[in-house]
Protein backbone atom coordinates (compact mmCIF):
# COMPACT_ATOMS: atom_id res chain seq x y z
CA MET A 1 11.98 22.73 -0.39
CA ASN A 2 8.32 21.73 -0.54
CA LEU A 3 6.97 18.52 -2.77
CA GLU A 4 5.00 21.14 -4.91
CA MET A 5 8.46 23.16 -5.49
CA ILE A 6 10.12 19.57 -6.58
CA MET A 7 7.11 18.20 -8.73
CA SER A 8 7.06 21.50 -11.21
CA ALA A 9 8.96 20.79 -14.51
CA ALA A 10 10.26 24.57 -13.53
CA PHE A 11 12.59 22.67 -10.79
CA TRP A 12 13.44 19.87 -13.15
CA GLU A 13 14.42 22.57 -16.22
CA ASP A 14 16.28 25.44 -13.66
CA PRO A 15 19.65 24.95 -13.88
CA GLY A 16 20.56 26.55 -10.52
CA SER A 17 22.00 23.72 -7.36
CA VAL A 18 20.92 22.77 -4.35
CA VAL A 19 22.08 20.89 -1.32
CA LEU A 20 19.55 19.68 0.76
CA GLY A 21 20.04 19.65 4.56
CA ASP A 22 21.26 22.17 7.08
CA GLN A 23 24.60 22.28 5.63
CA ALA A 24 25.78 25.89 4.47
CA VAL A 25 27.35 25.66 0.81
CA ASP A 26 28.59 28.07 -1.84
CA LEU A 27 26.44 26.53 -4.39
CA ARG A 28 28.92 28.42 -7.40
CA ILE A 29 31.21 25.41 -6.70
CA MET A 30 29.06 22.64 -7.76
CA PRO A 31 27.72 21.64 -10.97
CA ALA A 32 24.69 23.47 -13.12
CA ALA A 33 21.85 21.67 -12.24
CA SER A 34 22.33 19.58 -9.75
CA VAL A 35 21.25 18.40 -5.84
CA ALA A 36 23.48 17.09 -3.04
CA PHE A 37 22.71 14.86 -0.60
CA LYS A 38 24.35 13.46 2.41
CA THR A 39 25.10 10.70 3.21
CA SER A 40 26.75 8.73 6.49
CA GLY A 41 27.52 5.07 6.18
CA THR A 42 27.14 2.96 9.01
CA MET A 43 30.95 3.46 9.70
CA GLY A 44 32.28 6.34 8.25
CA ALA A 45 31.78 10.12 8.41
CA ALA A 46 28.98 11.97 6.33
CA LYS A 47 30.07 12.89 3.15
CA TRP A 48 27.91 14.74 -0.06
CA VAL A 49 27.42 12.83 -3.18
CA VAL A 50 25.91 15.23 -5.91
CA LEU A 51 24.00 14.65 -8.47
CA GLU A 52 22.56 16.28 -11.82
CA LYS A 53 19.00 16.56 -11.90
CA ARG A 54 18.85 15.06 -15.31
CA ALA A 55 20.99 11.71 -13.93
CA LEU A 56 18.10 11.79 -10.99
CA LEU A 57 15.43 11.62 -13.51
CA SER A 58 17.37 8.71 -15.91
CA SER A 59 17.20 6.64 -12.71
CA ALA A 60 13.22 7.73 -12.28
CA ARG A 61 12.30 6.71 -15.74
CA ALA A 62 14.40 2.83 -15.31
CA VAL A 63 12.59 2.21 -12.10
CA ASN A 64 9.62 3.61 -12.52
CA LYS A 65 10.06 1.41 -16.73
CA TRP A 66 10.98 -1.60 -13.97
CA LEU A 67 7.72 -1.31 -11.76
CA ASP A 68 5.63 -0.77 -14.65
CA VAL A 69 4.93 3.30 -13.49
CA ASP A 70 2.38 4.84 -15.26
CA GLY A 71 -0.18 7.32 -15.32
CA THR A 72 -2.44 5.75 -12.98
CA ALA A 73 -0.24 5.14 -10.03
CA LYS A 74 0.29 7.16 -7.38
CA TRP A 75 3.91 7.04 -5.22
CA GLY A 76 3.80 6.92 -1.80
CA LEU A 77 6.53 9.27 -0.10
CA ALA A 78 7.53 7.83 3.27
CA LEU A 79 10.98 8.19 3.79
CA PRO A 80 13.14 11.39 4.21
CA LEU A 81 13.18 14.22 1.54
CA HIS A 82 16.85 14.91 1.76
CA HIS A 83 17.94 11.15 1.96
CA VAL A 84 18.27 10.72 -1.48
CA GLY A 85 15.84 6.97 -1.52
CA GLY A 86 12.88 9.64 -0.70
CA PHE A 87 13.97 12.08 -3.55
CA GLY A 88 13.94 9.62 -5.98
CA VAL A 89 10.15 8.76 -4.95
CA ILE A 90 9.11 12.27 -6.22
CA ALA A 91 11.56 12.63 -9.18
CA ARG A 92 9.65 9.47 -10.12
CA ALA A 93 6.47 11.22 -9.64
CA PHE A 94 7.45 13.46 -11.71
CA ALA A 95 8.78 11.53 -14.57
CA ALA A 96 5.65 9.34 -14.58
CA CYS A 97 3.16 12.11 -14.24
CA CYS A 98 1.56 10.64 -11.81
CA GLY A 99 0.17 11.06 -8.03
CA LEU A 100 2.27 11.93 -5.40
CA SER A 101 0.96 11.63 -1.57
CA ARG A 102 3.17 12.20 1.64
CA PHE A 103 3.53 10.90 4.90
CA GLU A 104 3.07 13.17 7.34
CA GLY A 105 4.77 13.06 11.26
CA LYS A 106 6.47 10.50 12.73
CA TRP A 107 6.56 6.88 11.80
CA GLU A 108 3.88 4.74 13.29
CA PRO A 109 2.54 1.55 11.30
CA VAL A 110 -0.82 1.79 11.76
CA ARG A 111 -1.08 5.10 10.69
CA LEU A 112 1.47 4.55 7.63
CA LEU A 113 -1.53 1.55 6.47
CA GLY A 114 -4.49 4.28 7.32
CA TRP A 115 -2.68 6.40 4.70
CA LEU A 116 -1.82 4.13 2.57
CA GLY A 117 -5.60 3.33 2.83
CA ASP A 118 -6.85 6.61 2.20
CA GLU A 119 -4.03 7.88 -0.55
CA GLU A 120 -4.96 4.55 -2.56
CA VAL A 121 -0.99 4.48 -2.84
CA THR A 122 0.46 1.94 -5.63
CA HIS A 123 4.01 2.04 -5.20
CA LEU A 124 5.99 2.72 -1.99
CA SER A 125 9.18 2.38 -1.11
CA LEU A 126 10.42 1.48 2.26
CA VAL A 127 13.44 -0.06 5.01
CA PRO A 128 13.68 -3.29 5.82
CA THR A 129 13.36 -1.72 9.81
CA GLN A 130 9.67 -0.33 8.02
CA VAL A 131 8.67 -3.92 6.82
CA HIS A 132 9.85 -5.21 10.26
CA ASP A 133 7.38 -2.71 11.67
CA LEU A 134 4.63 -4.01 9.88
CA VAL A 135 4.69 -7.43 10.15
CA LYS A 136 5.22 -6.79 13.70
CA ALA A 137 1.79 -5.12 14.34
CA GLY A 138 0.27 -7.76 12.28
CA LEU A 139 -0.59 -5.13 9.78
CA GLU A 140 -2.31 -6.67 6.27
CA ALA A 141 -1.51 -4.46 2.96
CA PRO A 142 -4.57 -2.30 1.45
CA SER A 143 -5.66 -3.88 -2.07
CA ALA A 144 -4.41 -0.81 -4.05
CA LEU A 145 -0.75 -1.52 -2.90
CA ARG A 146 1.24 -3.04 -6.72
CA ALA A 147 4.66 -2.47 -5.50
CA LEU A 148 6.88 -2.22 -2.27
CA VAL A 149 10.51 -1.46 -3.13
CA VAL A 150 12.51 -2.43 0.22
CA GLY A 151 15.89 -0.60 0.24
CA GLY A 152 18.36 0.73 2.54
CA GLY A 153 19.97 -2.55 3.79
CA ARG A 154 19.20 -6.38 3.29
CA LEU A 155 15.87 -7.99 3.51
CA ASP A 156 16.05 -11.14 5.54
CA ALA A 157 14.05 -14.70 3.92
CA GLY A 158 11.96 -15.30 6.86
CA LEU A 159 10.97 -11.00 7.32
CA GLY A 160 10.41 -11.01 3.15
CA GLN A 161 8.77 -13.68 2.95
CA ALA A 162 5.99 -12.37 6.25
CA ALA A 163 5.35 -9.61 4.80
CA ARG A 164 4.40 -11.32 1.52
CA ASP A 165 2.06 -13.63 3.97
CA ALA A 166 0.45 -10.70 5.33
CA GLY A 167 0.68 -9.08 1.69
CA TRP A 168 2.70 -6.77 1.43
CA PRO A 169 4.26 -7.01 -2.48
CA VAL A 170 7.55 -6.58 -1.12
CA LEU A 171 11.09 -6.14 -3.89
CA SER A 172 14.26 -6.52 -2.92
CA SER A 173 16.68 -3.52 -4.21
CA PHE A 174 19.95 -2.74 -3.81
CA GLY A 175 21.15 0.75 -4.32
CA MET A 176 23.38 4.24 -3.63
CA THR A 177 23.68 7.68 -3.35
CA GLU A 178 26.36 7.49 -5.86
CA ALA A 179 23.74 5.61 -8.22
CA GLY A 180 20.44 7.79 -7.34
CA SER A 181 18.51 4.92 -6.53
CA GLN A 182 18.37 1.53 -7.12
CA ILE A 183 21.00 -0.38 -9.56
CA ALA A 184 19.24 -4.01 -9.07
CA THR A 185 16.09 -4.83 -8.12
CA GLN A 186 13.73 -8.12 -8.02
CA GLU A 187 11.20 -8.75 -10.86
CA LEU A 188 7.53 -7.95 -9.93
CA VAL A 189 6.70 -11.60 -11.72
CA SER A 190 8.94 -12.72 -8.50
CA LEU A 191 5.74 -11.21 -6.48
CA GLN A 192 3.43 -14.42 -7.21
CA LYS A 193 6.32 -16.82 -5.96
CA PRO A 194 7.43 -17.31 -2.62
CA PHE A 195 10.21 -14.69 -1.12
CA VAL A 196 13.73 -15.98 -2.01
CA ALA A 197 16.83 -13.45 -0.45
CA GLY A 198 18.50 -14.60 -3.65
CA ALA A 199 20.16 -12.46 -6.68
CA LEU A 200 18.59 -9.29 -7.98
CA LYS A 201 18.31 -8.37 -11.51
CA VAL A 202 20.41 -5.40 -12.62
CA LEU A 203 18.30 -2.29 -14.31
CA PRO A 204 19.43 -1.59 -17.78
CA VAL A 205 20.35 1.56 -17.05
CA TRP A 206 23.47 0.09 -15.76
CA GLU A 207 26.44 -1.26 -16.49
CA GLY A 208 28.69 -3.90 -13.92
CA SER A 209 32.04 -5.18 -13.24
CA THR A 210 33.38 -7.02 -10.67
CA VAL A 211 37.53 -5.81 -10.06
CA PHE A 212 39.60 -8.03 -6.55
CA ASP A 213 37.91 -9.31 -3.67
CA GLY A 214 34.43 -9.17 -5.78
CA LEU A 215 34.14 -5.47 -5.69
CA LEU A 216 31.37 -3.80 -7.48
CA ARG A 217 31.52 -1.27 -10.14
CA ILE A 218 29.10 0.65 -11.91
CA ARG A 219 29.00 2.62 -14.91
CA GLY A 220 25.74 4.63 -16.42
CA GLU A 221 23.88 8.03 -16.78
CA ALA A 222 22.33 7.96 -13.84
CA LEU A 223 25.70 8.15 -11.68
CA PHE A 224 26.80 10.29 -9.54
CA THR A 225 28.83 13.68 -10.97
CA GLY A 226 30.97 14.19 -8.02
CA THR A 227 31.50 14.67 -4.00
CA LEU A 228 31.17 17.96 -1.80
CA GLU A 229 34.75 17.91 0.76
CA LEU A 230 35.31 20.04 3.40
CA CYS A 231 39.05 20.91 3.46
CA ALA A 232 41.20 23.10 5.69
CA GLY A 233 37.48 25.21 6.74
CA ASP A 234 36.21 25.39 2.65
CA TRP A 235 34.29 23.35 0.93
CA VAL A 236 35.71 21.78 -2.82
CA PHE A 237 33.85 20.20 -5.31
CA GLN A 238 35.63 16.71 -6.24
CA GLU A 239 34.59 15.48 -9.83
CA ARG A 240 34.15 11.49 -10.12
CA GLN A 241 37.41 10.68 -12.50
CA GLY A 242 35.98 8.38 -15.63
CA ASP A 243 33.24 6.76 -16.56
CA TRP A 244 33.44 3.82 -13.32
CA PHE A 245 32.65 4.33 -10.17
CA GLN A 246 34.61 1.81 -8.10
CA THR A 247 32.53 0.99 -4.80
CA SER A 248 32.97 -0.91 -1.55
CA ASP A 249 30.35 -3.05 -2.27
CA ARG A 250 30.88 -6.79 -2.93
CA VAL A 251 29.65 -8.95 -4.77
CA GLU A 252 28.91 -11.83 -6.96
CA LEU A 253 27.89 -10.82 -10.55
CA GLU A 254 26.82 -13.48 -13.08
CA GLY A 255 25.63 -11.60 -16.38
CA ASP A 256 22.90 -9.44 -15.05
CA ARG A 257 21.85 -10.72 -11.99
CA LEU A 258 24.03 -9.44 -8.84
CA MET A 259 23.88 -10.45 -5.20
CA PRO A 260 24.60 -7.98 -3.02
CA LEU A 261 27.16 -9.99 0.13
CA GLY A 262 28.56 -6.73 2.29
CA ARG A 263 30.38 -4.00 2.08
CA VAL A 264 34.35 -4.44 2.14
CA ASP A 265 34.32 -2.38 5.99
CA THR A 266 32.10 -5.39 7.03
CA LEU A 267 35.45 -7.34 6.60
CA VAL A 268 37.37 -8.50 10.07
CA LYS A 269 40.97 -10.29 10.25
CA ILE A 270 40.58 -13.00 13.12
CA MET A 271 43.54 -14.90 13.31
CA GLY A 272 45.28 -14.35 10.54
CA GLU A 273 42.00 -15.17 8.27
CA LEU A 274 39.43 -12.35 7.15
CA VAL A 275 35.58 -12.94 8.12
CA ASP A 276 32.65 -10.91 6.93
CA ILE A 277 30.23 -9.31 10.17
CA GLU A 278 27.23 -9.43 8.07
CA ALA A 279 27.77 -13.31 6.81
CA VAL A 280 28.02 -14.35 10.51
CA GLU A 281 25.04 -12.21 11.47
CA ARG A 282 23.23 -14.22 8.28
CA ARG A 283 23.96 -17.36 9.95
CA PHE A 284 23.01 -16.61 13.37
CA LEU A 285 19.94 -15.40 12.39
CA GLU A 286 19.82 -19.49 10.84
CA ALA A 287 20.26 -21.41 14.05
CA CYS A 288 17.92 -18.91 15.90
CA GLN A 289 15.17 -20.27 13.33
CA GLY A 290 12.56 -17.32 14.20
CA ARG A 291 13.41 -16.85 17.72
CA VAL A 292 14.96 -13.89 17.22
CA SER A 293 14.50 -10.55 14.62
CA GLN A 294 16.88 -9.31 12.46
CA GLU A 295 16.56 -5.85 13.51
CA SER A 296 17.13 -6.56 17.08
CA LEU A 297 20.52 -8.48 16.60
CA ALA A 298 24.32 -7.17 15.00
CA ILE A 299 27.22 -9.00 15.26
CA VAL A 300 30.22 -6.80 16.10
CA PRO A 301 33.93 -7.24 16.18
CA VAL A 302 35.89 -6.06 19.09
CA ALA A 303 40.20 -5.88 19.02
CA ASP A 304 41.74 -8.71 20.20
CA GLU A 305 45.57 -8.75 21.54
CA ARG A 306 45.77 -12.38 20.67
CA ARG A 307 42.50 -12.93 18.20
CA GLU A 308 43.36 -10.01 16.35
CA HIS A 309 39.47 -9.28 17.05
CA SER A 310 36.84 -10.99 18.61
CA LEU A 311 32.96 -11.06 17.76
CA PHE A 312 30.29 -10.38 20.12
CA LEU A 313 27.05 -10.58 20.05
CA VAL A 314 24.71 -7.02 20.88
CA ILE A 315 20.76 -7.18 21.12
CA GLU A 316 17.97 -5.62 22.01
CA LYS A 317 16.58 -6.06 25.51
CA GLY A 318 13.46 -7.62 25.10
CA GLU A 319 14.44 -10.23 23.12
CA GLY A 320 13.89 -13.12 25.26
CA GLU A 321 14.86 -16.38 22.93
CA TRP A 322 18.30 -15.27 22.21
CA ALA A 323 20.05 -17.50 24.70
CA GLU A 324 19.01 -21.13 23.04
CA SER A 325 19.79 -19.74 19.72
CA PHE A 326 23.35 -18.67 21.48
CA GLU A 327 24.71 -21.88 22.33
CA ILE A 328 22.84 -23.64 18.87
CA TYR A 329 25.42 -21.19 16.66
CA GLN A 330 28.34 -21.78 19.01
CA LYS A 331 28.01 -25.46 18.42
CA VAL A 332 27.58 -24.63 15.16
CA ALA A 333 30.25 -21.99 13.82
CA PRO A 334 33.33 -22.74 12.93
CA GLY A 335 36.48 -21.56 15.51
CA ILE A 336 37.49 -18.28 14.58
CA GLU A 337 33.27 -17.13 13.98
CA LYS A 338 32.38 -18.70 17.83
CA LEU A 339 30.94 -15.49 19.58
CA GLY A 340 33.53 -14.00 23.16
CA GLY A 341 29.62 -13.07 24.34
CA CYS A 342 26.84 -10.94 24.39
CA PHE A 343 26.04 -7.74 25.55
CA THR A 344 21.98 -6.28 25.87
CA ILE A 345 21.08 -2.65 24.73
CA ASP A 346 18.07 -0.68 24.94
CA GLY A 347 17.97 -0.06 20.91
CA LEU A 348 21.14 -0.41 18.27
CA PRO A 349 22.14 2.77 17.22
CA ARG A 350 20.93 3.37 14.18
CA THR A 351 20.76 6.37 10.89
CA GLU A 352 17.51 7.60 10.02
CA LEU A 353 16.71 5.14 7.35
CA GLY A 354 18.04 2.69 9.84
CA LYS A 355 21.13 1.19 9.21
CA VAL A 356 23.08 0.13 12.41
CA ARG A 357 26.01 2.49 13.44
CA ARG A 358 28.53 -0.16 13.66
CA ALA A 359 31.79 2.26 14.15
CA GLU A 360 29.29 3.63 17.05
CA LEU A 361 28.42 -0.07 18.40
CA ARG A 362 32.12 -1.26 18.19
CA GLN A 363 32.90 1.69 20.61
CA MET A 364 30.19 1.09 22.94
CA ALA A 365 31.30 -3.27 22.74
CA ALA A 366 34.74 -2.14 23.57
CA ALA A 367 33.82 0.50 26.70
CA TRP A 368 31.72 -2.54 27.75
CA LEU A 369 34.65 -4.70 27.40
CA ASP A 370 36.90 -2.04 29.62
CA LYS A 371 34.69 -2.29 32.61
CA ARG A 372 34.24 -5.75 32.55
CA SER A 373 38.09 -6.50 32.84
């Protein structure tokens, strides 16, 4: 499937359905005029989420309105087309009747900067890993760029401010495949102030509420229709039940302000208490005081016979200033959050969009401990 096809009215008006990726699925089991996206979480197996084309366009219009995108704008596509983040960029360009350019070839920050300037891209979506690479390379944003939406993971406060200092108009966002794109995003007016990794504004297209343990549930016209599941060798379409979708994301929600707290599957029991792995990572980064980047480390829980779990730092080789931060963190961390040790690795295992594959990392850490014992 190419850009020209998706950017045509014929595609969006066609009642036919599409499965993005390399999976052979009988399209007759899918709802009419829908698109299926493969999504692989950091902790579990891949699944296929089905969104109707009208839902994708609803999300696109909501994002365009939030970012003041009009016919004079030009969206840049630097994310994989077969992921909802990349596909959503195309939907936004179509919905706004504005320009669209695709970044071709292997990811490379300097090449991206040249492409942005040559194409005069005004709006862009990236993941935190890509923003990290731009900042690390010391690159300054081109003058035409009005908004850079960062999704697919948490944008650390230090990285966000460093990007803003270099002129990159970064806006944190929170979304998911089931929502077709963004659910909550920083406001454009925030670009006039220092970057804050705080609560995000829920887009008007969504309603949200929380249930036990702060789990978010959402309702809106951009919500997915159902999922494709492989049952006994056959693909089956499972329709979403009810207007509300219960997510696995923990948030603080006050009115239309949403603060992401992490996924429920990042919680582990240590000596009878729940510990949030991502929160421990944030506290370790605070102890680092800029010595180590967010993109180079992860905290991993490993099963422990006495404590239920023990936490270990996994850090990429070449980050030579972590040892001092490790000692500082150990002095201030509460007992259940102290680290059992550290492993170095050539590179953290990541999804195509840059998220750390935590399940794979757990297995690697467990194997390292077995060899050491």
